[in-house]
Structure formats: C-alpha cells, structure tokens
PDB file of N, CA and C in Angstrom:
ATOM      1  N   MET A   1       7.783  23.850  29.166  1.00  0.00           N
ATOM      2  CA  MET A   1       8.026  24.530  30.081  1.00  0.00           C
ATOM      3  C   MET A   1       7.272  24.322  31.680  1.00  0.00           C
ATOM      4  N   TYR A   2       6.317  23.749  31.947  1.00  0.00           N
ATOM      5  CA  TYR A   2       5.548  23.251  33.257  1.00  0.00           C
ATOM      6  C   TYR A   2       6.582  22.402  33.827  1.00  0.00           C
ATOM      7  N   CYS A   3       7.082  21.115  32.877  1.00  0.00           N
ATOM      8  CA  CYS A   3       8.201  20.273  33.384  1.00  0.00           C
ATOM      9  C   CYS A   3       9.349  20.532  33.575  1.00  0.00           C
ATOM     10  N   LEU A   4       9.596  21.507  32.944  1.00  0.00           N
ATOM     11  CA  LEU A   4      11.178  22.586  33.284  1.00  0.00           C
ATOM     12  C   LEU A   4      11.310  22.846  34.607  1.00  0.00           C
ATOM     13  N   PHE A   5       9.959  23.670  34.939  1.00  0.00           N
ATOM     14  CA  PHE A   5       9.414  24.641  36.006  1.00  0.00           C
ATOM     15  C   PHE A   5       9.634  23.342  37.656  1.00  0.00           C
ATOM     16  N   ALA A   6       8.829  22.105  37.130  1.00  0.00           N
ATOM     17  CA  ALA A   6       8.293  21.226  38.231  1.00  0.00           C
ATOM     18  C   ALA A   6       9.598  20.797  38.601  1.00  0.00           C
ATOM     19  N   THR A   7      10.453  20.520  37.325  1.00  0.00           N
ATOM     20  CA  THR A   7      11.663  19.596  37.879  1.00  0.00           C
ATOM     21  C   THR A   7      12.539  20.424  39.239  1.00  0.00           C
ATOM     22  N   GLU A   8      12.772  21.866  38.636  1.00  0.00           N
ATOM     23  CA  GLU A   8      13.588  22.790  39.438  1.00  0.00           C
ATOM     24  C   GLU A   8      13.047  23.175  40.658  1.00  0.00           C
ATOM     25  N   ILE A   9      11.670  23.050  41.196  1.00  0.00           N
ATOM     26  CA  ILE A   9      11.442  22.963  42.150  1.00  0.00           C
ATOM     27  C   ILE A   9      11.566  21.642  42.793  1.00  0.00           C
ATOM     28  N   LEU A  10      11.276  20.452  42.080  1.00  0.00           N
ATOM     29  CA  LEU A  10      11.649  19.055  43.029  1.00  0.00           C
ATOM     30  C   LEU A  10      12.836  18.977  43.273  1.00  0.00           C
ATOM     31  N   TYR A  11      13.865  19.454  42.464  1.00  0.00           N
ATOM     32  CA  TYR A  11      14.977  18.652  42.677  1.00  0.00           C
ATOM     33  C   TYR A  11      15.643  19.644  43.850  1.00  0.00           C
ATOM     34  N   PRO A  12      15.215  20.631  44.423  1.00  0.00           N
ATOM     35  CA  PRO A  12      16.257  20.984  45.632  1.00  0.00           C
ATOM     36  C   PRO A  12      15.605  20.108  46.925  1.00  0.00           C
ATOM     37  N   PHE A  13      14.450  19.583  46.552  1.00  0.00           N
ATOM     38  CA  PHE A  13      13.906  18.686  47.619  1.00  0.00           C
ATOM     39  C   PHE A  13      14.288  18.186  47.850  1.00  0.00           C
ATOM     40  N   THR A  14      14.657  16.801  46.938  1.00  0.00           N
ATOM     41  CA  THR A  14      14.921  15.888  46.635  1.00  0.00           C
ATOM     42  C   THR A  14      16.624  16.051  47.098  1.00  0.00           C
ATOM     43  N   HIS A  15      17.639  17.045  46.877  1.00  0.00           N
ATOM     44  CA  HIS A  15      19.209  17.274  47.196  1.00  0.00           C
ATOM     45  C   HIS A  15      18.744  17.009  48.827  1.00  0.00           C
ATOM     46  N   ILE A  16      18.172  17.528  49.107  1.00  0.00           N
ATOM     47  CA  ILE A  16      17.692  17.767  50.848  1.00  0.00           C
ATOM     48  C   ILE A  16      17.594  16.476  51.100  1.00  0.00           C
ATOM     49  N   HIS A  17      16.558  15.951  50.455  1.00  0.00           N
ATOM     50  CA  HIS A  17      16.209  14.729  50.987  1.00  0.00           C
ATOM     51  C   HIS A  17      17.145  13.734  50.888  1.00  0.00           C
ATOM     52  N   ILE A  18      18.173  13.460  49.858  1.00  0.00           N
ATOM     53  CA  ILE A  18      19.192  12.686  49.943  1.00  0.00           C
ATOM     54  C   ILE A  18      20.425  12.927  51.290  1.00  0.00           C
ATOM     55  N   HIS A  19      20.531  14.209  51.323  1.00  0.00           N
ATOM     56  CA  HIS A  19      21.007  14.634  51.974  1.00  0.00           C
ATOM     57  C   HIS A  19      20.205  13.974  53.894  1.00  0.00           C
ATOM     58  N   ALA A  20      19.438  14.265  54.072  1.00  0.00           N
ATOM     59  CA  ALA A  20      19.136  13.744  54.869  1.00  0.00           C
ATOM     60  C   ALA A  20      18.838  12.302  55.779  1.00  0.00           C
ATOM     61  N   TYR A  21      18.872  11.697  54.496  1.00  0.00           N
ATOM     62  CA  TYR A  21      19.420  10.368  54.333  1.00  0.00           C
ATOM     63  C   TYR A  21      20.789   9.855  54.576  1.00  0.00           C
ATOM     64  N   ILE A  22      21.156  10.591  54.247  1.00  0.00           N
ATOM     65  CA  ILE A  22      22.903  10.159  54.244  1.00  0.00           C
ATOM     66  C   ILE A  22      22.851  10.808  55.997  1.00  0.00           C
ATOM     67  N   ASN A  23      22.926  11.762  56.424  1.00  0.00           N
ATOM     68  CA  ASN A  23      22.759  12.601  57.702  1.00  0.00           C
ATOM     69  C   ASN A  23      22.618  11.535  58.695  1.00  0.00           C
ATOM     70  N   THR A  24      21.403  10.831  58.728  1.00  0.00           N
ATOM     71  CA  THR A  24      20.786   9.944  59.366  1.00  0.00           C
ATOM     72  C   THR A  24      21.700   8.713  59.516  1.00  0.00           C
ATOM     73  N   HIS A  25      21.886   8.240  58.522  1.00  0.00           N
ATOM     74  CA  HIS A  25      23.249   7.154  58.747  1.00  0.00           C
ATOM     75  C   HIS A  25      24.436   8.159  59.064  1.00  0.00           C
ATOM     76  N   THR A  26      24.827   8.926  58.958  1.00  0.00           N
ATOM     77  CA  THR A  26      26.142   9.006  59.625  1.00  0.00           C
ATOM     78  C   THR A  26      25.832  10.263  60.727  1.00  0.00           C
ATOM     79  N   HIS A  27      24.521  10.132  61.187  1.00  0.00           N
ATOM     80  CA  HIS A  27      24.915  10.558  62.641  1.00  0.00           C
ATOM     81  C   HIS A  27      25.398  12.631  62.655  1.00  0.00           C
ATOM     82  N   THR A  28      25.040  13.108  61.269  1.00  0.00           N
ATOM     83  CA  THR A  28      25.311  14.681  61.197  1.00  0.00           C
ATOM     84  C   THR A  28      24.124  15.027  61.485  1.00  0.00           C
ATOM     85  N   SER A  29      23.203  15.535  61.757  1.00  0.00           N
ATOM     86  CA  SER A  29      22.067  16.150  62.016  1.00  0.00           C
ATOM     87  C   SER A  29      22.568  17.391  61.704  1.00  0.00           C
ATOM     88  N   THR A  30      23.142  18.626  62.017  1.00  0.00           N
ATOM     89  CA  THR A  30      23.559  19.490  61.751  1.00  0.00           C
ATOM     90  C   THR A  30      23.645  19.914  60.233  1.00  0.00           C
ATOM     91  N   HIS A  31      24.534  19.141  59.393  1.00  0.00           N
ATOM     92  CA  HIS A  31      24.419  18.987  58.053  1.00  0.00           C
ATOM     93  C   HIS A  31      23.836  19.226  57.812  1.00  0.00           C
ATOM     94  N   THR A  32      22.499  18.375  58.001  1.00  0.00           N
ATOM     95  CA  THR A  32      21.154  18.924  57.291  1.00  0.00           C
ATOM     96  C   THR A  32      20.266  19.964  57.222  1.00  0.00           C
ATOM     97  N   LEU A  33      20.805  20.657  58.848  1.00  0.00           N
ATOM     98  CA  LEU A  33      19.837  22.085  58.995  1.00  0.00           C
ATOM     99  C   LEU A  33      21.062  22.916  58.011  1.00  0.00           C
ATOM    100  N   ILE A  34      21.783  22.876  57.799  1.00  0.00           N
ATOM    101  CA  ILE A  34      22.545  23.761  56.859  1.00  0.00           C
ATOM    102  C   ILE A  34      22.318  23.586  55.708  1.00  0.00           C
ATOM    103  N   HIS A  35      21.935  22.459  55.253  1.00  0.00           N
ATOM    104  CA  HIS A  35      21.402  22.010  53.720  1.00  0.00           C
ATOM    105  C   HIS A  35      19.885  22.809  53.823  1.00  0.00           C
ATOM    106  N   THR A  36      19.053  22.563  54.600  1.00  0.00           N
ATOM    107  CA  THR A  36      17.928  22.906  54.755  1.00  0.00           C
ATOM    108  C   THR A  36      17.229  24.409  55.092  1.00  0.00           C
ATOM    109  N   HIS A  37      18.480  25.274  54.962  1.00  0.00           N
ATOM    110  CA  HIS A  37      17.810  26.643  55.146  1.00  0.00           C
ATOM    111  C   HIS A  37      18.911  27.646  54.540  1.00  0.00           C
ATOM    112  N   THR A  38      19.345  26.603  53.526  1.00  0.00           N
ATOM    113  CA  THR A  38      20.309  26.920  52.702  1.00  0.00           C
ATOM    114  C   THR A  38      19.380  27.856  51.131  1.00  0.00           C
TER     115      THR A  38
END
C-alpha cells in the first residue's frame, strides 16, 4: 500500500521533470509552466 502511494506521488514529479528536461532542450519553457500548474 505504501509503495503504491509513494509511486503515485513520485510519478507526477517524474513526469514534470521529464517535460522540463525536454523543454530545456527545445526552448519551450511555457509548456513546462503549463504542465507544472496542471
């Protein structure tokens, strides 16, 4: 139960982190802001 809970918390952060990494290399920081606040 705890592992599943931790995974559900960490996944969105990983998702945002990946998008931030991609956006850093594509110079679309607006997309990062949208994903961060969604």
